[in-house]
Amino acid sequence: MTLTSLQQALAQFAVERDWEQFHTPKNLAMALAGESGELLEIFQWLTPQQSAQVMQSNARALQVREEMADVLAYLLRLADVLDVDLEQALTDKIEKNRGKYPVHLARGKADKYTQLGG
């Protein structure tokens, strides 16, 4: 499936339930933040090593997949409602970040672009 077909499926799901009335940009952004928090909660108290192995537990892996799906669903709905082409937006952002994080300054560093110097 493509992002567009997923958006169409989610829009149809909302239409069938008469939920478009609730899918305002504000509500969708809040739901997206809430679902992101639920994903974050899975990792909250894990060590870096434990977090890297989170998918080795079937129960935990299911939780991660479901929360990631919820995050994606709300992001796709928000993009649909606001008529944002996510593929183009991400392509544009990658190009912008290429300028902010040139390889010769950023390679192997986690510094914000304003701290890279150069």
N, C-alpha and C. Protein backbone atom coordinates (compact mmCIF):
# COMPACT_ATOMS: atom_id res chain seq x y z
N MET A 1 0.84 -1.19 0.00
CA MET A 1 0.00 0.00 0.00
C MET A 1 0.88 1.24 0.00
N THR A 2 0.36 2.30 -0.59
CA THR A 2 1.06 3.58 -0.61
C THR A 2 0.52 4.46 0.52
N LEU A 3 1.21 5.55 0.79
CA LEU A 3 0.70 6.49 1.78
C LEU A 3 -0.69 7.00 1.37
N THR A 4 -0.84 7.27 0.08
CA THR A 4 -2.14 7.77 -0.42
C THR A 4 -3.24 6.75 -0.20
N SER A 5 -2.97 5.48 -0.50
CA SER A 5 -4.02 4.46 -0.31
C SER A 5 -4.33 4.25 1.17
N LEU A 6 -3.32 4.37 2.02
CA LEU A 6 -3.57 4.29 3.46
C LEU A 6 -4.42 5.47 3.93
N GLN A 7 -4.12 6.66 3.41
CA GLN A 7 -4.93 7.83 3.76
C GLN A 7 -6.38 7.64 3.31
N GLN A 8 -6.56 7.10 2.13
CA GLN A 8 -7.91 6.86 1.62
C GLN A 8 -8.64 5.84 2.49
N ALA A 9 -7.94 4.80 2.91
CA ALA A 9 -8.55 3.79 3.77
C ALA A 9 -8.96 4.39 5.11
N LEU A 10 -8.09 5.22 5.67
CA LEU A 10 -8.42 5.87 6.94
C LEU A 10 -9.56 6.87 6.80
N ALA A 11 -9.59 7.59 5.70
CA ALA A 11 -10.68 8.53 5.45
C ALA A 11 -12.01 7.79 5.33
N GLN A 12 -12.00 6.67 4.61
CA GLN A 12 -13.20 5.87 4.46
C GLN A 12 -13.66 5.31 5.81
N PHE A 13 -12.72 4.86 6.61
CA PHE A 13 -13.01 4.37 7.95
C PHE A 13 -13.72 5.45 8.76
N ALA A 14 -13.22 6.68 8.67
CA ALA A 14 -13.82 7.80 9.40
C ALA A 14 -15.21 8.13 8.85
N VAL A 15 -15.36 8.13 7.54
CA VAL A 15 -16.65 8.43 6.92
C VAL A 15 -17.69 7.42 7.35
N GLU A 16 -17.35 6.15 7.34
CA GLU A 16 -18.29 5.09 7.70
C GLU A 16 -18.81 5.25 9.13
N ARG A 17 -18.04 5.88 9.97
CA ARG A 17 -18.40 6.04 11.38
C ARG A 17 -18.86 7.46 11.72
N ASP A 18 -18.94 8.32 10.68
CA ASP A 18 -19.29 9.73 10.86
C ASP A 18 -18.34 10.41 11.84
N TRP A 19 -17.05 10.12 11.68
CA TRP A 19 -16.04 10.69 12.57
C TRP A 19 -15.33 11.91 11.99
N GLU A 20 -15.62 12.25 10.72
CA GLU A 20 -14.92 13.40 10.14
C GLU A 20 -15.15 14.65 10.97
N GLN A 21 -16.33 14.74 11.59
CA GLN A 21 -16.65 15.90 12.43
C GLN A 21 -15.67 16.07 13.58
N PHE A 22 -15.05 14.98 14.01
CA PHE A 22 -14.10 15.03 15.12
C PHE A 22 -12.65 15.17 14.64
N HIS A 23 -12.44 14.93 13.36
CA HIS A 23 -11.08 14.92 12.82
C HIS A 23 -10.65 16.32 12.38
N THR A 24 -10.68 17.23 13.32
CA THR A 24 -10.16 18.58 13.07
C THR A 24 -8.65 18.54 13.22
N PRO A 25 -7.95 19.48 12.64
CA PRO A 25 -6.49 19.50 12.81
C PRO A 25 -6.07 19.49 14.29
N LYS A 26 -6.75 20.26 15.12
CA LYS A 26 -6.42 20.30 16.55
C LYS A 26 -6.59 18.92 17.19
N ASN A 27 -7.73 18.30 16.95
CA ASN A 27 -7.99 16.99 17.56
C ASN A 27 -7.03 15.93 17.06
N LEU A 28 -6.74 15.96 15.76
CA LEU A 28 -5.81 14.97 15.21
C LEU A 28 -4.40 15.18 15.73
N ALA A 29 -3.97 16.43 15.86
CA ALA A 29 -2.64 16.71 16.40
C ALA A 29 -2.56 16.26 17.86
N MET A 30 -3.62 16.49 18.62
CA MET A 30 -3.63 16.05 20.01
C MET A 30 -3.62 14.52 20.10
N ALA A 31 -4.38 13.86 19.25
CA ALA A 31 -4.40 12.39 19.25
C ALA A 31 -3.03 11.84 18.85
N LEU A 32 -2.39 12.49 17.89
CA LEU A 32 -1.04 12.09 17.47
C LEU A 32 -0.07 12.21 18.64
N ALA A 33 -0.15 13.30 19.37
CA ALA A 33 0.73 13.47 20.54
C ALA A 33 0.45 12.42 21.59
N GLY A 34 -0.82 12.12 21.81
CA GLY A 34 -1.19 11.10 22.79
C GLY A 34 -0.65 9.73 22.42
N GLU A 35 -0.80 9.36 21.16
CA GLU A 35 -0.31 8.06 20.72
C GLU A 35 1.22 8.01 20.74
N SER A 36 1.87 9.13 20.43
CA SER A 36 3.33 9.18 20.54
C SER A 36 3.75 8.96 21.98
N GLY A 37 2.99 9.52 22.90
CA GLY A 37 3.26 9.31 24.33
C GLY A 37 3.11 7.86 24.73
N GLU A 38 2.12 7.19 24.16
CA GLU A 38 1.92 5.77 24.48
C GLU A 38 3.09 4.93 23.94
N LEU A 39 3.61 5.30 22.78
CA LEU A 39 4.80 4.62 22.26
C LEU A 39 6.00 4.91 23.15
N LEU A 40 6.15 6.14 23.54
CA LEU A 40 7.25 6.53 24.41
C LEU A 40 7.20 5.79 25.74
N GLU A 41 6.01 5.59 26.25
CA GLU A 41 5.83 4.93 27.54
C GLU A 41 6.44 3.52 27.54
N ILE A 42 6.39 2.84 26.41
CA ILE A 42 6.96 1.50 26.31
C ILE A 42 8.45 1.53 26.60
N PHE A 43 9.12 2.59 26.18
CA PHE A 43 10.58 2.70 26.29
C PHE A 43 11.03 3.48 27.52
N GLN A 44 10.10 4.08 28.22
CA GLN A 44 10.42 5.06 29.26
C GLN A 44 11.50 4.64 30.24
N TRP A 45 11.42 3.47 30.80
CA TRP A 45 12.35 3.08 31.85
C TRP A 45 13.35 2.02 31.40
N LEU A 46 13.41 1.78 30.11
CA LEU A 46 14.35 0.79 29.59
C LEU A 46 15.75 1.40 29.46
N THR A 47 16.74 0.57 29.63
CA THR A 47 18.11 1.01 29.34
C THR A 47 18.26 1.06 27.83
N PRO A 48 19.30 1.71 27.33
CA PRO A 48 19.52 1.69 25.88
C PRO A 48 19.62 0.27 25.32
N GLN A 49 20.26 -0.61 26.06
CA GLN A 49 20.38 -2.00 25.61
C GLN A 49 19.02 -2.69 25.58
N GLN A 50 18.21 -2.49 26.61
CA GLN A 50 16.87 -3.09 26.64
C GLN A 50 16.01 -2.54 25.50
N SER A 51 16.13 -1.25 25.23
CA SER A 51 15.32 -0.66 24.16
C SER A 51 15.70 -1.23 22.79
N ALA A 52 16.98 -1.54 22.62
CA ALA A 52 17.44 -2.12 21.35
C ALA A 52 16.92 -3.54 21.15
N GLN A 53 16.51 -4.19 22.23
CA GLN A 53 16.05 -5.57 22.17
C GLN A 53 14.54 -5.69 22.38
N VAL A 54 13.83 -4.58 22.33
CA VAL A 54 12.41 -4.57 22.68
C VAL A 54 11.56 -5.48 21.78
N MET A 55 11.99 -5.68 20.55
CA MET A 55 11.20 -6.48 19.62
C MET A 55 11.42 -7.98 19.80
N GLN A 56 12.29 -8.35 20.71
CA GLN A 56 12.53 -9.78 20.95
C GLN A 56 11.45 -10.42 21.81
N SER A 57 10.67 -9.61 22.50
CA SER A 57 9.53 -10.11 23.26
C SER A 57 8.29 -9.98 22.39
N ASN A 58 7.59 -11.09 22.17
CA ASN A 58 6.41 -11.04 21.31
C ASN A 58 5.35 -10.07 21.81
N ALA A 59 5.11 -10.07 23.11
CA ALA A 59 4.09 -9.18 23.67
C ALA A 59 4.50 -7.72 23.52
N ARG A 60 5.75 -7.44 23.82
CA ARG A 60 6.24 -6.06 23.72
C ARG A 60 6.30 -5.62 22.26
N ALA A 61 6.71 -6.52 21.39
CA ALA A 61 6.77 -6.21 19.96
C ALA A 61 5.39 -5.85 19.42
N LEU A 62 4.37 -6.58 19.87
CA LEU A 62 3.00 -6.28 19.46
C LEU A 62 2.60 -4.88 19.92
N GLN A 63 2.93 -4.55 21.17
CA GLN A 63 2.63 -3.20 21.69
C GLN A 63 3.30 -2.13 20.84
N VAL A 64 4.58 -2.33 20.54
CA VAL A 64 5.33 -1.35 19.75
C VAL A 64 4.68 -1.18 18.38
N ARG A 65 4.40 -2.27 17.71
CA ARG A 65 3.79 -2.21 16.38
C ARG A 65 2.45 -1.49 16.41
N GLU A 66 1.63 -1.81 17.41
CA GLU A 66 0.30 -1.19 17.48
C GLU A 66 0.41 0.31 17.76
N GLU A 67 1.30 0.71 18.65
CA GLU A 67 1.44 2.14 18.94
C GLU A 67 2.04 2.88 17.75
N MET A 68 2.98 2.25 17.06
CA MET A 68 3.53 2.88 15.86
C MET A 68 2.45 3.02 14.79
N ALA A 69 1.60 2.03 14.67
CA ALA A 69 0.50 2.10 13.70
C ALA A 69 -0.45 3.23 14.07
N ASP A 70 -0.74 3.40 15.35
CA ASP A 70 -1.61 4.49 15.79
C ASP A 70 -1.00 5.85 15.46
N VAL A 71 0.30 5.98 15.70
CA VAL A 71 1.00 7.24 15.39
C VAL A 71 0.89 7.52 13.89
N LEU A 72 1.19 6.51 13.09
CA LEU A 72 1.13 6.69 11.65
C LEU A 72 -0.29 7.02 11.19
N ALA A 73 -1.27 6.35 11.75
CA ALA A 73 -2.67 6.59 11.36
C ALA A 73 -3.07 8.04 11.61
N TYR A 74 -2.74 8.55 12.79
CA TYR A 74 -3.10 9.94 13.07
C TYR A 74 -2.30 10.93 12.25
N LEU A 75 -1.04 10.62 11.98
CA LEU A 75 -0.24 11.49 11.12
C LEU A 75 -0.81 11.52 9.71
N LEU A 76 -1.19 10.36 9.20
CA LEU A 76 -1.78 10.30 7.86
C LEU A 76 -3.12 11.03 7.81
N ARG A 77 -3.94 10.87 8.83
CA ARG A 77 -5.23 11.58 8.85
C ARG A 77 -5.01 13.08 8.90
N LEU A 78 -4.07 13.52 9.74
CA LEU A 78 -3.78 14.95 9.84
C LEU A 78 -3.28 15.49 8.50
N ALA A 79 -2.40 14.77 7.86
CA ALA A 79 -1.91 15.20 6.55
C ALA A 79 -3.04 15.26 5.53
N ASP A 80 -3.94 14.30 5.58
CA ASP A 80 -5.08 14.29 4.66
C ASP A 80 -5.98 15.49 4.90
N VAL A 81 -6.31 15.74 6.16
CA VAL A 81 -7.21 16.85 6.50
C VAL A 81 -6.58 18.20 6.13
N LEU A 82 -5.28 18.32 6.29
CA LEU A 82 -4.58 19.58 5.99
C LEU A 82 -4.05 19.63 4.56
N ASP A 83 -4.30 18.58 3.78
CA ASP A 83 -3.86 18.49 2.40
C ASP A 83 -2.34 18.67 2.28
N VAL A 84 -1.61 17.93 3.13
CA VAL A 84 -0.16 17.94 3.09
C VAL A 84 0.32 16.67 2.40
N ASP A 85 1.15 16.83 1.39
CA ASP A 85 1.77 15.70 0.71
C ASP A 85 2.97 15.30 1.55
N LEU A 86 2.80 14.25 2.34
CA LEU A 86 3.86 13.84 3.27
C LEU A 86 5.13 13.40 2.56
N GLU A 87 4.99 12.74 1.43
CA GLU A 87 6.19 12.31 0.70
C GLU A 87 7.00 13.53 0.27
N GLN A 88 6.33 14.54 -0.25
CA GLN A 88 7.04 15.75 -0.68
C GLN A 88 7.58 16.52 0.52
N ALA A 89 6.78 16.59 1.58
CA ALA A 89 7.23 17.29 2.79
C ALA A 89 8.49 16.65 3.35
N LEU A 90 8.53 15.32 3.37
CA LEU A 90 9.71 14.63 3.90
C LEU A 90 10.90 14.79 2.95
N THR A 91 10.67 14.70 1.66
CA THR A 91 11.74 14.92 0.69
C THR A 91 12.34 16.31 0.87
N ASP A 92 11.47 17.31 1.00
CA ASP A 92 11.93 18.69 1.22
C ASP A 92 12.73 18.81 2.51
N LYS A 93 12.26 18.16 3.57
CA LYS A 93 12.92 18.24 4.87
C LYS A 93 14.29 17.56 4.83
N ILE A 94 14.40 16.44 4.14
CA ILE A 94 15.69 15.77 4.00
C ILE A 94 16.68 16.70 3.31
N GLU A 95 16.25 17.34 2.25
CA GLU A 95 17.13 18.27 1.54
C GLU A 95 17.53 19.44 2.43
N LYS A 96 16.59 19.98 3.17
CA LYS A 96 16.90 21.07 4.10
C LYS A 96 17.92 20.62 5.13
N ASN A 97 17.74 19.40 5.66
CA ASN A 97 18.67 18.89 6.67
C ASN A 97 20.05 18.58 6.10
N ARG A 98 20.13 18.27 4.80
CA ARG A 98 21.44 18.11 4.17
C ARG A 98 22.26 19.39 4.31
N GLY A 99 21.59 20.52 4.16
CA GLY A 99 22.28 21.80 4.30
C GLY A 99 22.63 22.12 5.74
N LYS A 100 21.75 21.75 6.66
CA LYS A 100 21.98 22.03 8.08
C LYS A 100 23.02 21.10 8.69
N TYR A 101 23.12 19.90 8.16
CA TYR A 101 24.01 18.87 8.71
C TYR A 101 24.94 18.33 7.62
N PRO A 102 25.87 19.15 7.14
CA PRO A 102 26.79 18.64 6.12
C PRO A 102 27.62 17.48 6.68
N VAL A 103 27.86 16.50 5.86
CA VAL A 103 28.55 15.29 6.28
C VAL A 103 29.87 15.62 6.96
N HIS A 104 30.64 16.53 6.39
CA HIS A 104 31.97 16.80 6.94
C HIS A 104 31.92 17.42 8.34
N LEU A 105 30.79 17.97 8.73
CA LEU A 105 30.65 18.54 10.08
C LEU A 105 29.87 17.64 11.03
N ALA A 106 28.93 16.89 10.48
CA ALA A 106 27.98 16.16 11.33
C ALA A 106 28.29 14.68 11.50
N ARG A 107 29.14 14.14 10.69
CA ARG A 107 29.38 12.69 10.72
C ARG A 107 29.81 12.24 12.12
N GLY A 108 29.04 11.29 12.68
CA GLY A 108 29.37 10.71 13.98
C GLY A 108 29.03 11.58 15.16
N LYS A 109 28.33 12.68 14.94
CA LYS A 109 27.99 13.60 16.02
C LYS A 109 26.48 13.70 16.18
N ALA A 110 26.03 13.89 17.41
CA ALA A 110 24.61 14.06 17.67
C ALA A 110 24.29 15.52 17.99
N ASP A 111 25.21 16.42 17.69
CA ASP A 111 25.02 17.83 17.99
C ASP A 111 23.94 18.44 17.09
N LYS A 112 23.24 19.43 17.64
CA LYS A 112 22.31 20.19 16.84
C LYS A 112 23.10 21.02 15.84
N TYR A 113 22.50 21.32 14.70
CA TYR A 113 23.21 22.02 13.62
C TYR A 113 23.81 23.34 14.08
N THR A 114 23.18 23.99 15.05
CA THR A 114 23.69 25.27 15.53
C THR A 114 24.98 25.10 16.34
N GLN A 115 25.30 23.87 16.72
CA GLN A 115 26.51 23.60 17.50
C GLN A 115 27.63 22.98 16.68
N LEU A 116 27.43 22.78 15.40
CA LEU A 116 28.42 22.09 14.59
C LEU A 116 29.60 22.98 14.18
N GLY A 117 29.39 24.27 14.18
CA GLY A 117 30.47 25.16 13.72
C GLY A 117 30.62 25.04 12.22
N GLY A 118 31.69 25.52 11.73
CA GLY A 118 31.96 25.36 10.30
C GLY A 118 31.79 26.59 9.57
